[in-house]
Amino acid sequence: MTEQPLKKLLLLIEDNPLLIGMYKAAFEKAGIDVLLAHDGEKGLTLAKEQTPDLIVLDLLMPGMDGLEILKRLRDDPTTKELKIVVLTIVARAEAEEHARRLGVLDYLVKSELKLHEIVERIIQLLYRPDGAI
Protein backbone atom coordinates (compact mmCIF):
# COMPACT_ATOMS: atom_id res chain seq x y z
CA MET A 1 0.00 0.00 0.00
CA THR A 2 1.40 3.41 -0.94
CA GLU A 3 1.44 6.16 1.62
CA GLN A 4 -0.81 9.14 0.91
CA PRO A 5 0.89 12.53 1.12
CA LEU A 6 -0.11 14.65 4.07
CA LYS A 7 -2.75 17.25 3.31
CA LYS A 8 -1.15 20.62 2.61
CA LEU A 9 -2.21 24.10 3.67
CA LEU A 10 -2.15 26.90 1.12
CA LEU A 11 -2.60 30.60 1.90
CA LEU A 12 -4.14 32.53 -0.99
CA ILE A 13 -3.61 36.31 -0.79
CA GLU A 14 -5.88 37.75 -3.48
CA ASP A 15 -8.33 40.67 -3.53
CA ASN A 16 -10.55 39.68 -6.48
CA PRO A 17 -13.65 37.87 -5.10
CA LEU A 18 -14.35 36.03 -8.36
CA LEU A 19 -10.79 34.70 -8.58
CA ILE A 20 -10.73 33.82 -4.89
CA GLY A 21 -13.77 31.59 -5.29
CA MET A 22 -12.47 29.99 -8.47
CA TYR A 23 -8.98 29.26 -7.10
CA LYS A 24 -10.27 28.09 -3.71
CA ALA A 25 -12.65 25.59 -5.32
CA ALA A 26 -9.96 24.28 -7.67
CA PHE A 27 -7.35 23.86 -4.92
CA GLU A 28 -9.84 22.20 -2.56
CA LYS A 29 -10.94 19.82 -5.33
CA ALA A 30 -7.25 18.86 -5.59
CA GLY A 31 -7.25 18.03 -1.86
CA ILE A 32 -5.51 21.14 -0.59
CA ASP A 33 -6.74 23.09 2.45
CA VAL A 34 -7.04 26.79 1.62
CA LEU A 35 -6.81 29.86 3.84
CA LEU A 36 -7.98 33.14 2.30
CA ALA A 37 -6.75 36.68 2.78
CA HIS A 38 -8.36 39.53 0.86
CA ASP A 39 -5.60 42.01 1.68
CA GLY A 40 -1.97 42.20 2.70
CA GLU A 41 -2.45 42.77 6.43
CA LYS A 42 -4.69 39.71 6.76
CA GLY A 43 -2.24 37.71 4.66
CA LEU A 44 0.69 38.63 6.89
CA THR A 45 -1.29 37.74 10.01
CA LEU A 46 -2.39 34.36 8.64
CA ALA A 47 1.14 33.55 7.44
CA LYS A 48 2.47 34.09 10.97
CA GLU A 49 -0.39 32.33 12.79
CA GLN A 50 -0.96 29.33 10.49
CA THR A 51 2.47 28.66 8.89
CA PRO A 52 1.09 27.52 5.51
CA ASP A 53 2.98 25.07 3.34
CA LEU A 54 2.76 27.55 0.45
CA ILE A 55 1.58 31.11 -0.10
CA VAL A 56 0.04 32.13 -3.43
CA LEU A 57 0.37 35.90 -3.65
CA ASP A 58 -1.17 38.42 -6.01
CA LEU A 59 0.83 41.60 -6.67
CA LEU A 60 -1.88 44.14 -7.49
CA MET A 61 -3.96 44.81 -4.41
CA PRO A 62 -5.33 47.92 -2.73
CA GLY A 63 -3.33 49.25 0.18
CA MET A 64 -0.24 47.11 0.53
CA ASP A 65 0.84 45.60 -2.79
CA GLY A 66 2.19 42.08 -3.21
CA LEU A 67 5.86 43.08 -3.44
CA GLU A 68 5.58 44.89 -0.10
CA ILE A 69 3.89 41.83 1.42
CA LEU A 70 6.66 39.65 0.03
CA LYS A 71 9.33 41.94 1.47
CA ARG A 72 7.67 41.90 4.90
CA LEU A 73 7.36 38.11 4.84
CA ARG A 74 11.06 37.80 4.03
CA ASP A 75 12.07 40.36 6.70
CA ASP A 76 10.19 38.53 9.48
CA PRO A 77 12.11 35.65 11.09
CA THR A 78 8.89 33.64 11.57
CA THR A 79 7.91 33.79 7.87
CA LYS A 80 11.16 34.30 5.97
CA GLU A 81 11.49 30.63 4.95
CA LEU A 82 7.90 30.12 3.74
CA LYS A 83 7.42 28.95 0.16
CA ILE A 84 5.81 31.67 -1.95
CA VAL A 85 4.49 31.73 -5.51
CA VAL A 86 3.41 34.94 -7.19
CA LEU A 87 0.19 34.64 -9.22
CA THR A 88 -0.53 37.95 -10.93
CA ILE A 89 -1.61 39.78 -14.05
CA VAL A 90 1.64 41.77 -13.95
CA ALA A 91 3.75 40.47 -16.85
CA ARG A 92 6.59 42.98 -16.41
CA ALA A 93 10.16 41.66 -16.28
CA GLU A 94 11.18 44.08 -13.52
CA ALA A 95 8.36 42.91 -11.23
CA GLU A 96 9.30 39.28 -11.82
CA GLU A 97 13.00 40.00 -11.22
CA HIS A 98 12.18 41.80 -7.97
CA ALA A 99 9.97 38.93 -6.78
CA ARG A 100 12.61 36.34 -7.69
CA ARG A 101 15.30 38.32 -5.81
CA LEU A 102 13.00 38.05 -2.78
CA GLY A 103 12.99 34.27 -3.15
CA VAL A 104 9.70 33.25 -4.76
CA LEU A 105 9.55 29.69 -6.08
CA ASP A 106 7.68 30.69 -9.20
CA TYR A 107 6.14 33.71 -10.92
CA LEU A 108 2.90 32.86 -12.72
CA VAL A 109 1.02 35.27 -14.97
CA LYS A 110 -2.73 34.62 -14.76
CA SER A 111 -3.47 35.45 -18.41
CA GLU A 112 -0.80 33.04 -19.67
CA LEU A 113 -2.13 29.92 -17.92
CA LYS A 114 -5.39 28.02 -17.68
CA LEU A 115 -6.81 27.27 -14.24
CA HIS A 116 -5.85 23.59 -14.37
CA GLU A 117 -2.26 24.58 -15.29
CA ILE A 118 -2.05 26.89 -12.28
CA VAL A 119 -3.37 24.16 -9.97
CA GLU A 120 -0.92 21.61 -11.41
CA ARG A 121 2.05 23.96 -10.88
CA ILE A 122 0.98 24.69 -7.30
CA ILE A 123 0.57 20.98 -6.54
CA GLN A 124 4.06 20.30 -7.89
CA LEU A 125 5.50 22.98 -5.65
CA LEU A 126 3.57 21.78 -2.61
CA TYR A 127 4.50 18.13 -2.83
CA ARG A 128 8.02 18.08 -4.22
CA PRO A 129 10.55 18.00 -1.38
CA ASP A 130 12.82 20.63 -2.93
CA GLY A 131 9.94 22.83 -4.13
CA ALA A 132 11.35 22.79 -7.66
CA ILE A 133 9.34 22.15 -10.81
C-alpha atoms as a PDB file:
ATOM      1  CA  MET A   1       0.000   0.000   0.000  1.00  0.00           C
ATOM      2  CA  THR A   2       1.397   3.413  -0.944  1.00  0.00           C
ATOM      3  CA  GLU A   3       1.440   6.159   1.624  1.00  0.00           C
ATOM      4  CA  GLN A   4      -0.812   9.136   0.908  1.00  0.00           C
ATOM      5  CA  PRO A   5       0.891  12.531   1.119  1.00  0.00           C
ATOM      6  CA  LEU A   6      -0.114  14.655   4.068  1.00  0.00           C
ATOM      7  CA  LYS A   7      -2.753  17.254   3.311  1.00  0.00           C
ATOM      8  CA  LYS A   8      -1.154  20.618   2.609  1.00  0.00           C
ATOM      9  CA  LEU A   9      -2.211  24.102   3.672  1.00  0.00           C
ATOM     10  CA  LEU A  10      -2.154  26.901   1.117  1.00  0.00           C
ATOM     11  CA  LEU A  11      -2.605  30.605   1.905  1.00  0.00           C
ATOM     12  CA  LEU A  12      -4.138  32.533  -0.995  1.00  0.00           C
ATOM     13  CA  ILE A  13      -3.614  36.306  -0.786  1.00  0.00           C
ATOM     14  CA  GLU A  14      -5.877  37.754  -3.484  1.00  0.00           C
ATOM     15  CA  ASP A  15      -8.331  40.670  -3.531  1.00  0.00           C
ATOM     16  CA  ASN A  16     -10.546  39.678  -6.483  1.00  0.00           C
ATOM     17  CA  PRO A  17     -13.648  37.871  -5.098  1.00  0.00           C
ATOM     18  CA  LEU A  18     -14.347  36.027  -8.363  1.00  0.00           C
ATOM     19  CA  LEU A  19     -10.787  34.697  -8.581  1.00  0.00           C
ATOM     20  CA  ILE A  20     -10.732  33.825  -4.889  1.00  0.00           C
ATOM     21  CA  GLY A  21     -13.771  31.586  -5.290  1.00  0.00           C
ATOM     22  CA  MET A  22     -12.474  29.987  -8.471  1.00  0.00           C
ATOM     23  CA  TYR A  23      -8.976  29.258  -7.102  1.00  0.00           C
ATOM     24  CA  LYS A  24     -10.271  28.092  -3.713  1.00  0.00           C
ATOM     25  CA  ALA A  25     -12.652  25.593  -5.320  1.00  0.00           C
ATOM     26  CA  ALA A  26      -9.961  24.281  -7.672  1.00  0.00           C
ATOM     27  CA  PHE A  27      -7.350  23.859  -4.923  1.00  0.00           C
ATOM     28  CA  GLU A  28      -9.840  22.199  -2.565  1.00  0.00           C
ATOM     29  CA  LYS A  29     -10.942  19.819  -5.333  1.00  0.00           C
ATOM     30  CA  ALA A  30      -7.252  18.857  -5.593  1.00  0.00           C
ATOM     31  CA  GLY A  31      -7.250  18.028  -1.864  1.00  0.00           C
ATOM     32  CA  ILE A  32      -5.511  21.140  -0.590  1.00  0.00           C
ATOM     33  CA  ASP A  33      -6.739  23.085   2.446  1.00  0.00           C
ATOM     34  CA  VAL A  34      -7.044  26.790   1.618  1.00  0.00           C
ATOM     35  CA  LEU A  35      -6.808  29.863   3.845  1.00  0.00           C
ATOM     36  CA  LEU A  36      -7.984  33.136   2.304  1.00  0.00           C
ATOM     37  CA  ALA A  37      -6.748  36.681   2.780  1.00  0.00           C
ATOM     38  CA  HIS A  38      -8.364  39.531   0.857  1.00  0.00           C
ATOM     39  CA  ASP A  39      -5.600  42.008   1.682  1.00  0.00           C
ATOM     40  CA  GLY A  40      -1.966  42.200   2.700  1.00  0.00           C
ATOM     41  CA  GLU A  41      -2.453  42.766   6.426  1.00  0.00           C
ATOM     42  CA  LYS A  42      -4.686  39.714   6.760  1.00  0.00           C
ATOM     43  CA  GLY A  43      -2.242  37.711   4.660  1.00  0.00           C
ATOM     44  CA  LEU A  44       0.688  38.629   6.893  1.00  0.00           C
ATOM     45  CA  THR A  45      -1.292  37.735  10.010  1.00  0.00           C
ATOM     46  CA  LEU A  46      -2.392  34.358   8.644  1.00  0.00           C
ATOM     47  CA  ALA A  47       1.139  33.548   7.438  1.00  0.00           C
ATOM     48  CA  LYS A  48       2.467  34.088  10.969  1.00  0.00           C
ATOM     49  CA  GLU A  49      -0.390  32.331  12.791  1.00  0.00           C
ATOM     50  CA  GLN A  50      -0.957  29.332  10.487  1.00  0.00           C
ATOM     51  CA  THR A  51       2.469  28.659   8.886  1.00  0.00           C
ATOM     52  CA  PRO A  52       1.087  27.524   5.514  1.00  0.00           C
ATOM     53  CA  ASP A  53       2.984  25.067   3.340  1.00  0.00           C
ATOM     54  CA  LEU A  54       2.765  27.548   0.449  1.00  0.00           C
ATOM     55  CA  ILE A  55       1.578  31.108  -0.103  1.00  0.00           C
ATOM     56  CA  VAL A  56       0.037  32.128  -3.429  1.00  0.00           C
ATOM     57  CA  LEU A  57       0.374  35.896  -3.648  1.00  0.00           C
ATOM     58  CA  ASP A  58      -1.175  38.424  -6.008  1.00  0.00           C
ATOM     59  CA  LEU A  59       0.827  41.603  -6.671  1.00  0.00           C
ATOM     60  CA  LEU A  60      -1.877  44.142  -7.493  1.00  0.00           C
ATOM     61  CA  MET A  61      -3.964  44.809  -4.413  1.00  0.00           C
ATOM     62  CA  PRO A  62      -5.326  47.921  -2.733  1.00  0.00           C
ATOM     63  CA  GLY A  63      -3.329  49.250   0.184  1.00  0.00           C
ATOM     64  CA  MET A  64      -0.238  47.107   0.526  1.00  0.00           C
ATOM     65  CA  ASP A  65       0.836  45.597  -2.793  1.00  0.00           C
ATOM     66  CA  GLY A  66       2.190  42.082  -3.207  1.00  0.00           C
ATOM     67  CA  LEU A  67       5.859  43.081  -3.439  1.00  0.00           C
ATOM     68  CA  GLU A  68       5.575  44.886  -0.097  1.00  0.00           C
ATOM     69  CA  ILE A  69       3.885  41.827   1.420  1.00  0.00           C
ATOM     70  CA  LEU A  70       6.663  39.646   0.026  1.00  0.00           C
ATOM     71  CA  LYS A  71       9.335  41.941   1.470  1.00  0.00           C
ATOM     72  CA  ARG A  72       7.667  41.898   4.899  1.00  0.00           C
ATOM     73  CA  LEU A  73       7.360  38.114   4.845  1.00  0.00           C
ATOM     74  CA  ARG A  74      11.064  37.804   4.034  1.00  0.00           C
ATOM     75  CA  ASP A  75      12.072  40.362   6.699  1.00  0.00           C
ATOM     76  CA  ASP A  76      10.188  38.533   9.481  1.00  0.00           C
ATOM     77  CA  PRO A  77      12.115  35.646  11.089  1.00  0.00           C
ATOM     78  CA  THR A  78       8.892  33.636  11.565  1.00  0.00           C
ATOM     79  CA  THR A  79       7.909  33.786   7.870  1.00  0.00           C
ATOM     80  CA  LYS A  80      11.162  34.303   5.973  1.00  0.00           C
ATOM     81  CA  GLU A  81      11.488  30.626   4.952  1.00  0.00           C
ATOM     82  CA  LEU A  82       7.901  30.124   3.739  1.00  0.00           C
ATOM     83  CA  LYS A  83       7.425  28.948   0.156  1.00  0.00           C
ATOM     84  CA  ILE A  84       5.814  31.674  -1.950  1.00  0.00           C
ATOM     85  CA  VAL A  85       4.489  31.726  -5.513  1.00  0.00           C
ATOM     86  CA  VAL A  86       3.406  34.944  -7.194  1.00  0.00           C
ATOM     87  CA  LEU A  87       0.193  34.642  -9.224  1.00  0.00           C
ATOM     88  CA  THR A  88      -0.529  37.948 -10.928  1.00  0.00           C
ATOM     89  CA  ILE A  89      -1.605  39.784 -14.052  1.00  0.00           C
ATOM     90  CA  VAL A  90       1.644  41.774 -13.952  1.00  0.00           C
ATOM     91  CA  ALA A  91       3.747  40.474 -16.854  1.00  0.00           C
ATOM     92  CA  ARG A  92       6.591  42.975 -16.413  1.00  0.00           C
ATOM     93  CA  ALA A  93      10.160  41.657 -16.281  1.00  0.00           C
ATOM     94  CA  GLU A  94      11.179  44.081 -13.524  1.00  0.00           C
ATOM     95  CA  ALA A  95       8.364  42.912 -11.225  1.00  0.00           C
ATOM     96  CA  GLU A  96       9.299  39.285 -11.824  1.00  0.00           C
ATOM     97  CA  GLU A  97      13.002  39.997 -11.222  1.00  0.00           C
ATOM     98  CA  HIS A  98      12.180  41.797  -7.969  1.00  0.00           C
ATOM     99  CA  ALA A  99       9.973  38.927  -6.782  1.00  0.00           C
ATOM    100  CA  ARG A 100      12.613  36.339  -7.688  1.00  0.00           C
ATOM    101  CA  ARG A 101      15.302  38.320  -5.811  1.00  0.00           C
ATOM    102  CA  LEU A 102      13.002  38.046  -2.783  1.00  0.00           C
ATOM    103  CA  GLY A 103      12.993  34.271  -3.154  1.00  0.00           C
ATOM    104  CA  VAL A 104       9.703  33.252  -4.758  1.00  0.00           C
ATOM    105  CA  LEU A 105       9.552  29.690  -6.076  1.00  0.00           C
ATOM    106  CA  ASP A 106       7.683  30.693  -9.202  1.00  0.00           C
ATOM    107  CA  TYR A 107       6.138  33.711 -10.917  1.00  0.00           C
ATOM    108  CA  LEU A 108       2.896  32.858 -12.715  1.00  0.00           C
ATOM    109  CA  VAL A 109       1.017  35.269 -14.973  1.00  0.00           C
ATOM    110  CA  LYS A 110      -2.731  34.621 -14.764  1.00  0.00           C
ATOM    111  CA  SER A 111      -3.468  35.454 -18.412  1.00  0.00           C
ATOM    112  CA  GLU A 112      -0.796  33.035 -19.672  1.00  0.00           C
ATOM    113  CA  LEU A 113      -2.128  29.922 -17.916  1.00  0.00           C
ATOM    114  CA  LYS A 114      -5.393  28.024 -17.676  1.00  0.00           C
ATOM    115  CA  LEU A 115      -6.811  27.273 -14.236  1.00  0.00           C
ATOM    116  CA  HIS A 116      -5.848  23.593 -14.366  1.00  0.00           C
ATOM    117  CA  GLU A 117      -2.256  24.575 -15.288  1.00  0.00           C
ATOM    118  CA  ILE A 118      -2.052  26.893 -12.279  1.00  0.00           C
ATOM    119  CA  VAL A 119      -3.372  24.164  -9.971  1.00  0.00           C
ATOM    120  CA  GLU A 120      -0.916  21.608 -11.412  1.00  0.00           C
ATOM    121  CA  ARG A 121       2.049  23.956 -10.881  1.00  0.00           C
ATOM    122  CA  ILE A 122       0.983  24.692  -7.300  1.00  0.00           C
ATOM    123  CA  ILE A 123       0.566  20.979  -6.543  1.00  0.00           C
ATOM    124  CA  GLN A 124       4.061  20.297  -7.894  1.00  0.00           C
ATOM    125  CA  LEU A 125       5.504  22.978  -5.655  1.00  0.00           C
ATOM    126  CA  LEU A 126       3.569  21.785  -2.610  1.00  0.00           C
ATOM    127  CA  TYR A 127       4.498  18.126  -2.825  1.00  0.00           C
ATOM    128  CA  ARG A 128       8.025  18.084  -4.220  1.00  0.00           C
ATOM    129  CA  PRO A 129      10.553  17.998  -1.384  1.00  0.00           C
ATOM    130  CA  ASP A 130      12.815  20.627  -2.931  1.00  0.00           C
ATOM    131  CA  GLY A 131       9.941  22.830  -4.128  1.00  0.00           C
ATOM    132  CA  ALA A 132      11.348  22.786  -7.662  1.00  0.00           C
ATOM    133  CA  ILE A 133       9.345  22.150 -10.807  1.00  0.00           C
END
